[in-house]
Amino acid sequence: MKILQFLKPKPTIDSYGQPSSIDPQEIQSLMEWLFASLIAVGYFGRSHLIWYDCDNPDPSLEKLIKKLIRRDEPIFLYRCGGRTMPAPQGYYWRMMSEHPSTRIYQLEVK
């Protein structure tokens, strides 16, 4: 039966801009939660997690998000500072209140 577990599709989460200041255990916990959330809704494709620090913004992440939007794959943002990254025109960041940190958002169409 364990062999069949390897054959089941699993979601993939690509991570971008992860700051070194975040505790590895916090990262692990968040990735496990996000992975489980994707499986719970039946999504087994590729998704993307952007780590955003408003105190040290990376302009390349904004360009990356515009590129990722065309792929029609879920895009998530983890807010490391006090503010979220501005969403591209026609989109907004929806806070995922299911997560206890209230720091994770999903990019959605307005």
N, C-alpha and C. Protein backbone atom coordinates (compact mmCIF):
# COMPACT_ATOMS: atom_id res chain seq x y z
N MET A 1 0.81 -1.20 0.00
CA MET A 1 0.00 0.00 0.00
C MET A 1 0.86 1.26 0.00
N LYS A 2 2.04 1.22 0.64
CA LYS A 2 2.91 2.39 0.68
C LYS A 2 3.42 2.76 -0.70
N ILE A 3 3.55 1.77 -1.58
CA ILE A 3 4.02 2.04 -2.94
C ILE A 3 3.02 2.94 -3.66
N LEU A 4 1.74 2.75 -3.42
CA LEU A 4 0.72 3.58 -4.07
C LEU A 4 0.80 5.04 -3.62
N GLN A 5 1.30 5.29 -2.41
CA GLN A 5 1.44 6.66 -1.93
C GLN A 5 2.40 7.46 -2.82
N PHE A 6 3.42 6.80 -3.35
CA PHE A 6 4.39 7.48 -4.21
C PHE A 6 3.80 7.82 -5.57
N LEU A 7 2.76 7.10 -5.98
CA LEU A 7 2.15 7.33 -7.28
C LEU A 7 1.12 8.45 -7.27
N LYS A 8 0.66 8.85 -6.10
CA LYS A 8 -0.33 9.92 -6.01
C LYS A 8 0.31 11.24 -6.39
N PRO A 9 -0.42 12.07 -7.15
CA PRO A 9 0.14 13.39 -7.48
C PRO A 9 0.24 14.26 -6.23
N LYS A 10 1.23 15.12 -6.21
CA LYS A 10 1.43 16.01 -5.07
C LYS A 10 1.65 17.43 -5.59
N PRO A 11 1.16 18.42 -4.86
CA PRO A 11 1.40 19.80 -5.30
C PRO A 11 2.88 20.17 -5.15
N THR A 12 3.29 21.13 -5.93
CA THR A 12 4.64 21.66 -5.87
C THR A 12 4.54 23.14 -5.49
N ILE A 13 5.38 23.57 -4.55
CA ILE A 13 5.40 24.97 -4.13
C ILE A 13 6.78 25.53 -4.41
N ASP A 14 6.85 26.48 -5.35
CA ASP A 14 8.10 27.18 -5.63
C ASP A 14 8.16 28.40 -4.72
N SER A 15 9.32 28.63 -4.12
CA SER A 15 9.49 29.70 -3.13
C SER A 15 10.46 30.74 -3.68
N TYR A 16 10.13 32.03 -3.49
CA TYR A 16 10.94 33.13 -4.01
C TYR A 16 11.16 34.20 -2.94
N GLY A 17 12.37 34.71 -2.84
CA GLY A 17 12.67 35.85 -1.98
C GLY A 17 12.70 35.54 -0.50
N GLN A 18 12.93 34.31 -0.15
CA GLN A 18 12.91 33.91 1.27
C GLN A 18 14.04 34.58 2.04
N PRO A 19 13.70 35.42 3.03
CA PRO A 19 14.75 36.08 3.81
C PRO A 19 15.40 35.13 4.81
N SER A 20 16.66 35.38 5.09
CA SER A 20 17.38 34.52 6.03
C SER A 20 16.99 34.80 7.48
N SER A 21 16.27 35.89 7.71
CA SER A 21 15.90 36.27 9.08
C SER A 21 14.74 35.44 9.64
N ILE A 22 14.06 34.67 8.80
CA ILE A 22 12.93 33.88 9.29
C ILE A 22 13.43 32.55 9.82
N ASP A 23 12.88 32.16 10.95
CA ASP A 23 13.24 30.91 11.61
C ASP A 23 12.91 29.72 10.70
N PRO A 24 13.86 28.82 10.47
CA PRO A 24 13.60 27.65 9.61
C PRO A 24 12.40 26.81 10.06
N GLN A 25 12.17 26.74 11.34
CA GLN A 25 11.02 25.98 11.84
C GLN A 25 9.70 26.66 11.42
N GLU A 26 9.69 27.99 11.42
CA GLU A 26 8.50 28.73 10.98
C GLU A 26 8.26 28.48 9.49
N ILE A 27 9.34 28.46 8.72
CA ILE A 27 9.24 28.19 7.28
C ILE A 27 8.67 26.80 7.06
N GLN A 28 9.22 25.82 7.77
CA GLN A 28 8.76 24.43 7.64
C GLN A 28 7.27 24.33 7.98
N SER A 29 6.86 24.96 9.05
CA SER A 29 5.47 24.91 9.49
C SER A 29 4.55 25.53 8.43
N LEU A 30 4.94 26.67 7.89
CA LEU A 30 4.14 27.34 6.88
C LEU A 30 4.03 26.50 5.61
N MET A 31 5.15 25.93 5.17
CA MET A 31 5.14 25.12 3.95
C MET A 31 4.26 23.87 4.14
N GLU A 32 4.32 23.26 5.30
CA GLU A 32 3.47 22.09 5.57
C GLU A 32 2.00 22.49 5.55
N TRP A 33 1.67 23.63 6.15
CA TRP A 33 0.29 24.10 6.18
C TRP A 33 -0.21 24.39 4.76
N LEU A 34 0.61 25.07 3.98
CA LEU A 34 0.22 25.43 2.62
C LEU A 34 0.06 24.17 1.77
N PHE A 35 0.99 23.25 1.90
CA PHE A 35 0.93 21.97 1.19
C PHE A 35 -0.37 21.23 1.52
N ALA A 36 -0.68 21.13 2.81
CA ALA A 36 -1.91 20.45 3.26
C ALA A 36 -3.15 21.18 2.76
N SER A 37 -3.11 22.50 2.74
CA SER A 37 -4.26 23.28 2.25
C SER A 37 -4.51 23.03 0.77
N LEU A 38 -3.46 22.95 0.00
CA LEU A 38 -3.60 22.67 -1.44
C LEU A 38 -4.19 21.29 -1.66
N ILE A 39 -3.71 20.32 -0.92
CA ILE A 39 -4.23 18.95 -1.04
C ILE A 39 -5.70 18.91 -0.62
N ALA A 40 -6.04 19.63 0.44
CA ALA A 40 -7.42 19.63 0.96
C ALA A 40 -8.42 20.14 -0.08
N VAL A 41 -8.00 21.08 -0.92
CA VAL A 41 -8.92 21.60 -1.95
C VAL A 41 -8.77 20.84 -3.27
N GLY A 42 -7.93 19.80 -3.27
CA GLY A 42 -7.78 18.97 -4.46
C GLY A 42 -6.87 19.53 -5.52
N TYR A 43 -5.97 20.43 -5.13
CA TYR A 43 -5.04 21.01 -6.11
C TYR A 43 -3.71 20.26 -6.02
N PHE A 44 -3.25 19.74 -7.15
CA PHE A 44 -2.02 18.95 -7.17
C PHE A 44 -1.01 19.49 -8.18
N GLY A 45 -1.18 20.72 -8.60
CA GLY A 45 -0.26 21.32 -9.57
C GLY A 45 0.81 22.15 -8.90
N ARG A 46 1.37 23.07 -9.67
CA ARG A 46 2.43 23.96 -9.20
C ARG A 46 1.80 25.21 -8.62
N SER A 47 2.39 25.70 -7.53
CA SER A 47 1.98 26.98 -6.93
C SER A 47 3.24 27.74 -6.55
N HIS A 48 3.06 28.98 -6.12
CA HIS A 48 4.20 29.86 -5.88
C HIS A 48 4.02 30.62 -4.57
N LEU A 49 5.10 30.70 -3.80
CA LEU A 49 5.09 31.43 -2.53
C LEU A 49 6.14 32.53 -2.60
N ILE A 50 5.69 33.77 -2.44
CA ILE A 50 6.56 34.95 -2.44
C ILE A 50 6.75 35.39 -1.00
N TRP A 51 8.00 35.54 -0.58
CA TRP A 51 8.32 36.06 0.75
C TRP A 51 8.59 37.55 0.56
N TYR A 52 7.77 38.39 1.19
CA TYR A 52 7.90 39.84 0.97
C TYR A 52 8.23 40.57 2.26
N ASP A 53 9.32 41.31 2.22
CA ASP A 53 9.76 42.13 3.34
C ASP A 53 9.64 43.59 2.92
N CYS A 54 8.63 44.30 3.45
CA CYS A 54 8.39 45.68 3.05
C CYS A 54 9.54 46.61 3.46
N ASP A 55 10.35 46.19 4.43
CA ASP A 55 11.49 47.00 4.85
C ASP A 55 12.68 46.84 3.92
N ASN A 56 12.66 45.80 3.11
CA ASN A 56 13.74 45.53 2.16
C ASN A 56 13.12 44.96 0.88
N PRO A 57 12.30 45.76 0.16
CA PRO A 57 11.58 45.22 -1.00
C PRO A 57 12.52 44.86 -2.15
N ASP A 58 12.16 43.81 -2.85
CA ASP A 58 12.91 43.34 -4.01
C ASP A 58 12.06 43.60 -5.25
N PRO A 59 12.42 44.59 -6.09
CA PRO A 59 11.62 44.92 -7.27
C PRO A 59 11.46 43.75 -8.25
N SER A 60 12.40 42.83 -8.23
CA SER A 60 12.31 41.69 -9.16
C SER A 60 11.12 40.78 -8.82
N LEU A 61 10.68 40.82 -7.56
CA LEU A 61 9.53 39.99 -7.17
C LEU A 61 8.24 40.49 -7.81
N GLU A 62 8.11 41.81 -7.96
CA GLU A 62 6.92 42.36 -8.62
C GLU A 62 6.87 41.92 -10.08
N LYS A 63 8.02 41.95 -10.75
CA LYS A 63 8.09 41.49 -12.14
C LYS A 63 7.78 40.00 -12.23
N LEU A 64 8.28 39.25 -11.27
CA LEU A 64 8.05 37.81 -11.25
C LEU A 64 6.55 37.51 -11.12
N ILE A 65 5.87 38.23 -10.26
CA ILE A 65 4.43 37.99 -10.06
C ILE A 65 3.67 38.23 -11.36
N LYS A 66 4.02 39.29 -12.08
CA LYS A 66 3.35 39.56 -13.36
C LYS A 66 3.58 38.43 -14.35
N LYS A 67 4.75 37.83 -14.31
CA LYS A 67 5.06 36.69 -15.17
C LYS A 67 4.28 35.45 -14.74
N LEU A 68 4.20 35.22 -13.42
CA LEU A 68 3.52 34.04 -12.89
C LEU A 68 2.01 34.09 -13.12
N ILE A 69 1.44 35.28 -13.15
CA ILE A 69 -0.01 35.42 -13.37
C ILE A 69 -0.42 34.75 -14.67
N ARG A 70 0.41 34.84 -15.68
CA ARG A 70 0.08 34.26 -16.99
C ARG A 70 0.00 32.74 -16.95
N ARG A 71 0.60 32.13 -15.95
CA ARG A 71 0.59 30.66 -15.84
C ARG A 71 -0.71 30.13 -15.25
N ASP A 72 -1.51 31.01 -14.66
CA ASP A 72 -2.77 30.62 -14.04
C ASP A 72 -2.57 29.55 -12.96
N GLU A 73 -1.56 29.77 -12.12
CA GLU A 73 -1.27 28.90 -10.98
C GLU A 73 -1.40 29.73 -9.70
N PRO A 74 -1.76 29.11 -8.58
CA PRO A 74 -1.93 29.87 -7.34
C PRO A 74 -0.64 30.58 -6.92
N ILE A 75 -0.80 31.83 -6.48
CA ILE A 75 0.32 32.64 -6.00
C ILE A 75 -0.01 33.09 -4.59
N PHE A 76 0.92 32.82 -3.69
CA PHE A 76 0.75 33.18 -2.29
C PHE A 76 1.86 34.15 -1.89
N LEU A 77 1.58 34.96 -0.88
CA LEU A 77 2.56 35.91 -0.37
C LEU A 77 2.64 35.76 1.14
N TYR A 78 3.85 35.70 1.65
CA TYR A 78 4.05 35.73 3.10
C TYR A 78 4.61 37.09 3.46
N ARG A 79 3.86 37.83 4.26
CA ARG A 79 4.24 39.19 4.66
C ARG A 79 5.21 39.11 5.83
N CYS A 80 6.48 39.47 5.57
CA CYS A 80 7.49 39.44 6.62
C CYS A 80 7.50 40.72 7.45
N GLY A 81 7.05 41.82 6.88
CA GLY A 81 7.02 43.10 7.59
C GLY A 81 5.59 43.52 7.90
N GLY A 82 5.38 44.82 7.95
CA GLY A 82 4.08 45.35 8.32
C GLY A 82 3.09 45.53 7.19
N ARG A 83 3.57 45.46 5.93
CA ARG A 83 2.69 45.69 4.77
C ARG A 83 2.89 44.61 3.72
N THR A 84 1.85 44.45 2.90
CA THR A 84 1.96 43.52 1.77
C THR A 84 2.50 44.27 0.56
N MET A 85 2.98 43.54 -0.38
CA MET A 85 3.41 44.09 -1.66
C MET A 85 2.18 44.59 -2.41
N PRO A 86 2.30 45.69 -3.14
CA PRO A 86 1.16 46.12 -3.95
C PRO A 86 0.80 45.03 -4.96
N ALA A 87 -0.49 44.78 -5.10
CA ALA A 87 -0.95 43.76 -6.06
C ALA A 87 -0.96 44.36 -7.46
N PRO A 88 -0.75 43.55 -8.47
CA PRO A 88 -0.85 44.04 -9.85
C PRO A 88 -2.26 44.56 -10.13
N GLN A 89 -2.38 45.41 -11.11
CA GLN A 89 -3.68 45.99 -11.46
C GLN A 89 -4.67 44.88 -11.81
N GLY A 90 -5.86 44.97 -11.23
CA GLY A 90 -6.91 43.99 -11.47
C GLY A 90 -6.89 42.82 -10.49
N TYR A 91 -5.95 42.85 -9.54
CA TYR A 91 -5.80 41.78 -8.55
C TYR A 91 -5.77 42.38 -7.15
N TYR A 92 -5.89 41.52 -6.15
CA TYR A 92 -5.73 41.95 -4.76
C TYR A 92 -5.19 40.77 -3.95
N TRP A 93 -4.59 41.09 -2.82
CA TRP A 93 -4.08 40.05 -1.91
C TRP A 93 -5.16 39.75 -0.88
N ARG A 94 -5.70 38.54 -0.90
CA ARG A 94 -6.70 38.11 0.08
C ARG A 94 -6.00 37.41 1.24
N MET A 95 -6.20 37.94 2.45
CA MET A 95 -5.59 37.32 3.62
C MET A 95 -6.21 35.95 3.84
N MET A 96 -5.37 34.98 4.07
CA MET A 96 -5.83 33.63 4.36
C MET A 96 -5.98 33.51 5.87
N SER A 97 -7.15 33.87 6.34
CA SER A 97 -7.40 33.93 7.78
C SER A 97 -7.38 32.54 8.42
N GLU A 98 -7.35 31.50 7.60
CA GLU A 98 -7.28 30.14 8.13
C GLU A 98 -5.93 29.87 8.79
N HIS A 99 -4.91 30.62 8.37
CA HIS A 99 -3.57 30.43 8.94
C HIS A 99 -3.44 31.31 10.18
N PRO A 100 -2.94 30.77 11.29
CA PRO A 100 -2.90 31.53 12.55
C PRO A 100 -2.01 32.77 12.53
N SER A 101 -1.07 32.87 11.62
CA SER A 101 -0.15 34.02 11.63
C SER A 101 -0.77 35.28 11.06
N THR A 102 -1.83 35.16 10.28
CA THR A 102 -2.43 36.27 9.51
C THR A 102 -1.38 36.99 8.66
N ARG A 103 -0.38 36.28 8.21
CA ARG A 103 0.67 36.86 7.37
C ARG A 103 0.70 36.25 5.98
N ILE A 104 -0.20 35.33 5.68
CA ILE A 104 -0.17 34.70 4.37
C ILE A 104 -1.40 35.14 3.56
N TYR A 105 -1.15 35.44 2.29
CA TYR A 105 -2.17 35.98 1.40
C TYR A 105 -2.17 35.19 0.09
N GLN A 106 -3.32 35.19 -0.58
CA GLN A 106 -3.41 34.59 -1.91
C GLN A 106 -3.79 35.68 -2.89
N LEU A 107 -3.12 35.68 -4.05
CA LEU A 107 -3.42 36.65 -5.09
C LEU A 107 -4.69 36.22 -5.81
N GLU A 108 -5.66 37.14 -5.88
CA GLU A 108 -6.92 36.82 -6.52
C GLU A 108 -7.33 37.95 -7.45
N VAL A 109 -8.15 37.60 -8.45
CA VAL A 109 -8.67 38.57 -9.41
C VAL A 109 -9.76 39.38 -8.73
N LYS A 110 -9.78 40.71 -8.98
CA LYS A 110 -10.82 41.57 -8.40
C LYS A 110 -12.16 41.24 -9.01
